[in-house]
Amino acid sequence: MRIEIAGENALIIYFGDKASPETSAKVQQAVSVLEIELADRLIDLVPSYASLLVIYDLFSCDHLEIKKHLRELLTQLDQAEQQVGDLVSLPVYYSPESGPDLEMLAQNANLEVDEVIQIHSQQEYRVYAIGFAPGFAYLGEVDPRIAAPRLSTPRQKVTKGAVAIADRQTAVYPAESPGGWNLIGLCPTEMFTPDKTPNMPVKVGDRVTFKPITRDEYLALGGQL
């Protein structure tokens, strides 16, 4: 692990050079410890794939003090109880109607559409990071049989709730936006609700599974086509 300056009142802790379940667990472990130990000196913690951004209150501590304290706390991580994230199940209506890239992805993988759906929905994914847009959770890792590169030309508009794959990551678009991921279905679950606490159904460190549902079930849950 290494600690580097990331701003006048921010430090970033690197736990490794690449994402992995073990590194992600260490990041989440650090979040749990620092939230308690830094208390009112802390403004925010922003976890990512293999790093943690620590934003602190300049009026309660200085750079040298907080860096020293972080080093002391990080040495305790191996002894701290590892956090097992919540298991969240998200419903998905998989079909060529709801996922315009589903058939092409299946064809490129030499699989039937039903096989792609089965592989995607049987995997348990870890929330590695939240970014790009509020509620956009980067989930990994997708089975290599259905991993697919980003589109060469991104779409100008991706539907809210679109379930997508890019390389070995998968995600649900929380709102209509541009995007270059491969679209394979639609999820009716609200991924970001600003006036709700918590405002997202998942957080970094959680585990996510996808449950296939029918078109009628999707519409009954509030989904739109």
Protein backbone atom coordinates (compact mmCIF):
# COMPACT_ATOMS: atom_id res chain seq x y z
CA MET A 1 0.00 0.00 0.00
CA ARG A 2 1.15 3.54 -0.67
CA ILE A 3 -0.24 6.98 0.19
CA GLU A 4 0.01 9.96 -2.14
CA ILE A 5 -1.19 13.58 -2.06
CA ALA A 6 -4.40 14.12 -4.07
CA GLY A 7 -5.22 17.74 -3.20
CA GLU A 8 -4.85 20.36 -0.49
CA ASN A 9 -7.03 18.31 1.87
CA ALA A 10 -6.98 14.88 0.26
CA LEU A 11 -4.79 11.79 0.18
CA ILE A 12 -5.19 8.69 -1.95
CA ILE A 13 -4.31 5.22 -0.72
CA TYR A 14 -3.32 2.63 -3.34
CA PHE A 15 -3.88 -0.98 -2.27
CA GLY A 16 -2.61 -2.61 -5.47
CA ASP A 17 -2.01 -2.12 -9.17
CA LYS A 18 -5.14 -3.83 -10.46
CA ALA A 19 -8.64 -4.77 -9.40
CA SER A 20 -9.29 -8.10 -7.73
CA PRO A 21 -11.76 -9.42 -5.15
CA GLU A 22 -8.95 -9.45 -2.57
CA THR A 23 -7.94 -5.84 -3.25
CA SER A 24 -11.57 -4.71 -3.27
CA ALA A 25 -12.11 -6.40 0.09
CA LYS A 26 -9.08 -4.55 1.47
CA VAL A 27 -10.46 -1.23 0.21
CA GLN A 28 -13.81 -1.90 1.86
CA GLN A 29 -12.06 -2.97 5.04
CA ALA A 30 -10.19 0.36 5.09
CA VAL A 31 -13.44 2.27 4.58
CA SER A 32 -14.99 0.60 7.63
CA VAL A 33 -11.95 1.31 9.81
CA LEU A 34 -11.39 4.90 8.70
CA GLU A 35 -15.05 5.88 9.06
CA ILE A 36 -14.80 5.01 12.75
CA GLU A 37 -11.25 6.11 13.55
CA LEU A 38 -11.18 9.44 11.68
CA ALA A 39 -14.68 10.42 12.81
CA ASP A 40 -15.17 14.22 12.69
CA ARG A 41 -11.84 14.78 10.94
CA LEU A 42 -13.23 13.07 7.87
CA ILE A 43 -15.17 14.84 5.11
CA ASP A 44 -15.54 11.94 2.68
CA LEU A 45 -14.17 8.59 1.54
CA VAL A 46 -14.31 7.67 -2.15
CA PRO A 47 -13.48 4.00 -2.78
CA SER A 48 -12.52 2.71 -6.21
CA TYR A 49 -11.14 -0.47 -7.79
CA ALA A 50 -7.82 -0.54 -5.97
CA SER A 51 -7.65 2.80 -4.20
CA LEU A 52 -9.35 4.96 -1.60
CA LEU A 53 -9.55 8.75 -1.70
CA VAL A 54 -9.53 10.29 1.78
CA ILE A 55 -10.83 13.86 2.04
CA TYR A 56 -10.22 15.39 5.46
CA ASP A 57 -10.99 18.58 7.38
CA LEU A 58 -8.04 20.97 7.27
CA PHE A 59 -9.34 22.77 10.36
CA SER A 60 -9.06 19.66 12.53
CA CYS A 61 -5.77 18.16 11.33
CA ASP A 62 -2.87 18.86 8.99
CA HIS A 63 -1.38 16.83 6.16
CA LEU A 64 1.46 15.27 8.15
CA GLU A 65 -0.79 14.34 11.05
CA ILE A 66 -3.44 12.65 8.91
CA LYS A 67 -0.85 10.78 6.81
CA LYS A 68 0.85 9.41 9.93
CA HIS A 69 -2.51 8.38 11.38
CA LEU A 70 -3.48 6.65 8.14
CA ARG A 71 -0.27 4.62 8.13
CA GLU A 72 -0.94 3.48 11.69
CA LEU A 73 -4.51 2.50 10.89
CA LEU A 74 -3.60 0.66 7.69
CA THR A 75 -1.25 -1.64 9.58
CA GLN A 76 -4.30 -2.86 11.51
CA LEU A 77 -6.25 -3.98 8.44
CA ASP A 78 -4.99 -7.56 8.46
CA GLN A 79 -6.26 -7.92 12.01
CA ALA A 80 -9.57 -6.16 11.35
CA GLU A 81 -12.62 -8.24 10.54
CA GLN A 82 -13.16 -8.43 6.81
CA GLN A 83 -16.46 -6.99 5.62
CA VAL A 84 -18.71 -9.15 3.48
CA GLY A 85 -20.90 -6.87 1.39
CA ASP A 86 -24.65 -7.27 1.08
CA LEU A 87 -26.02 -9.58 -1.60
CA VAL A 88 -28.33 -7.63 -3.92
CA SER A 89 -30.48 -9.25 -6.60
CA LEU A 90 -31.47 -7.11 -9.58
CA PRO A 91 -34.25 -8.21 -12.00
CA VAL A 92 -33.45 -8.07 -15.71
CA TYR A 93 -35.62 -8.46 -18.80
CA TYR A 94 -33.15 -10.02 -21.24
CA SER A 95 -34.23 -10.01 -24.89
CA PRO A 96 -33.33 -8.57 -28.30
CA GLU A 97 -36.14 -6.07 -27.67
CA SER A 98 -34.59 -4.80 -24.43
CA GLY A 99 -30.96 -5.54 -25.30
CA PRO A 100 -30.11 -4.50 -28.87
CA ASP A 101 -26.60 -5.99 -28.68
CA LEU A 102 -27.63 -9.33 -27.17
CA GLU A 103 -27.86 -11.29 -30.42
CA MET A 104 -24.62 -9.85 -31.80
CA LEU A 105 -22.79 -10.59 -28.56
CA ALA A 106 -24.07 -14.17 -28.64
CA GLN A 107 -23.05 -14.57 -32.27
CA ASN A 108 -19.53 -13.24 -31.63
CA ALA A 109 -19.17 -15.60 -28.67
CA ASN A 110 -20.48 -18.60 -30.66
CA LEU A 111 -23.26 -19.02 -28.14
CA GLU A 112 -27.04 -19.07 -28.23
CA VAL A 113 -28.85 -16.04 -26.77
CA ASP A 114 -30.23 -18.21 -23.96
CA GLU A 115 -26.69 -19.31 -23.09
CA VAL A 116 -25.51 -15.70 -22.81
CA ILE A 117 -28.44 -14.93 -20.51
CA GLN A 118 -27.73 -17.99 -18.39
CA ILE A 119 -24.02 -17.20 -18.06
CA HIS A 120 -24.61 -13.54 -17.21
CA SER A 121 -27.34 -14.24 -14.66
CA GLN A 122 -25.58 -17.13 -12.89
CA GLN A 123 -22.51 -15.08 -11.98
CA GLU A 124 -22.10 -13.24 -8.68
CA TYR A 125 -20.50 -9.82 -9.23
CA ARG A 126 -18.68 -7.50 -6.87
CA VAL A 127 -19.27 -3.74 -6.84
CA TYR A 128 -15.77 -2.45 -7.52
CA ALA A 129 -16.54 1.25 -7.91
CA ILE A 130 -19.27 3.86 -8.35
CA GLY A 131 -18.60 6.42 -11.05
CA PHE A 132 -19.24 7.89 -14.50
CA ALA A 133 -22.68 8.98 -13.25
CA PRO A 134 -24.44 8.86 -9.85
CA GLY A 135 -25.56 5.27 -9.31
CA PHE A 136 -23.39 3.75 -12.06
CA ALA A 137 -21.87 0.71 -10.34
CA TYR A 138 -18.96 -1.06 -12.03
CA LEU A 139 -19.47 -4.80 -11.45
CA GLY A 140 -16.96 -7.56 -12.03
CA GLU A 141 -15.98 -9.87 -13.26
CA VAL A 142 -17.94 -11.04 -16.28
CA ASP A 143 -17.38 -14.63 -17.41
CA PRO A 144 -14.73 -14.50 -20.18
CA ARG A 145 -17.05 -16.42 -22.53
CA ILE A 146 -19.34 -13.37 -22.78
CA ALA A 147 -16.81 -10.57 -22.25
CA ALA A 148 -17.05 -8.06 -25.10
CA PRO A 149 -15.13 -4.89 -26.00
CA ARG A 150 -16.80 -1.49 -25.95
CA LEU A 151 -18.55 -0.42 -29.13
CA SER A 152 -16.30 1.29 -31.67
CA THR A 153 -18.85 4.11 -31.89
CA PRO A 154 -20.67 4.91 -28.62
CA ARG A 155 -24.40 5.52 -28.69
CA GLN A 156 -25.53 9.09 -28.13
CA LYS A 157 -28.38 7.82 -25.96
CA VAL A 158 -28.59 4.70 -23.79
CA THR A 159 -31.91 3.97 -22.09
CA LYS A 160 -32.21 4.26 -18.33
CA GLY A 161 -31.97 0.81 -16.76
CA ALA A 162 -29.97 -0.70 -19.60
CA VAL A 163 -27.90 -3.68 -18.50
CA ALA A 164 -24.59 -3.73 -20.30
CA ILE A 165 -21.23 -5.44 -20.71
CA ALA A 166 -17.83 -3.90 -21.50
CA ASP A 167 -14.79 -6.17 -21.41
CA ARG A 168 -15.13 -8.11 -18.15
CA GLN A 169 -17.35 -5.53 -16.46
CA THR A 170 -21.11 -5.23 -16.34
CA ALA A 171 -23.37 -2.42 -15.14
CA VAL A 172 -26.85 -0.93 -15.09
CA TYR A 173 -27.22 2.57 -16.54
CA PRO A 174 -28.91 4.63 -13.77
CA ALA A 175 -30.19 7.29 -16.16
CA GLU A 176 -30.41 8.01 -19.87
CA SER A 177 -26.94 8.96 -21.10
CA PRO A 178 -24.39 8.39 -23.86
CA GLY A 179 -22.58 5.08 -23.66
CA GLY A 180 -20.49 2.56 -25.53
CA TRP A 181 -21.22 -0.66 -23.65
CA ASN A 182 -22.97 -3.70 -25.14
CA LEU A 183 -26.66 -3.65 -24.16
CA ILE A 184 -28.20 -7.01 -23.25
CA GLY A 185 -31.33 -6.20 -21.22
CA LEU A 186 -33.24 -3.77 -19.03
CA CYS A 187 -33.52 -3.52 -15.23
CA PRO A 188 -36.56 -1.79 -13.65
CA THR A 189 -34.77 -1.09 -10.34
CA GLU A 190 -33.96 2.56 -9.61
CA MET A 191 -30.18 2.70 -9.31
CA PHE A 192 -30.04 6.26 -7.97
CA THR A 193 -32.71 8.19 -6.06
CA PRO A 194 -31.26 11.48 -4.72
CA ASP A 195 -34.03 12.13 -2.16
CA LYS A 196 -33.84 8.63 -0.67
CA THR A 197 -31.53 7.25 2.05
CA PRO A 198 -29.59 5.29 1.00
CA ASN A 199 -29.86 6.72 -2.49
CA MET A 200 -28.51 3.59 -4.19
CA PRO A 201 -29.44 -0.09 -3.84
CA VAL A 202 -25.74 -1.07 -3.89
CA LYS A 203 -22.46 0.21 -2.49
CA VAL A 204 -18.80 -0.60 -3.09
CA GLY A 205 -18.05 -4.04 -1.71
CA ASP A 206 -21.56 -5.41 -2.19
CA ARG A 207 -22.26 -8.52 -4.27
CA VAL A 208 -24.79 -8.42 -7.11
CA THR A 209 -26.70 -11.12 -8.96
CA PHE A 210 -29.10 -10.67 -11.87
CA LYS A 211 -32.46 -12.47 -11.98
CA PRO A 212 -34.06 -13.01 -15.42
CA ILE A 213 -37.68 -11.85 -15.60
CA THR A 214 -40.32 -11.83 -18.33
CA ARG A 215 -41.48 -8.85 -20.33
CA ASP A 216 -44.74 -8.70 -18.33
CA GLU A 217 -42.86 -8.87 -15.02
CA TYR A 218 -40.56 -6.07 -16.15
CA LEU A 219 -43.50 -3.82 -17.04
CA ALA A 220 -45.30 -4.71 -13.78
CA LEU A 221 -42.21 -3.57 -11.85
CA GLY A 222 -42.40 -0.15 -13.48
CA GLY A 223 -40.05 -0.75 -16.40
CA GLN A 224 -40.57 1.08 -19.68
CA LEU A 225 -39.92 0.05 -23.27
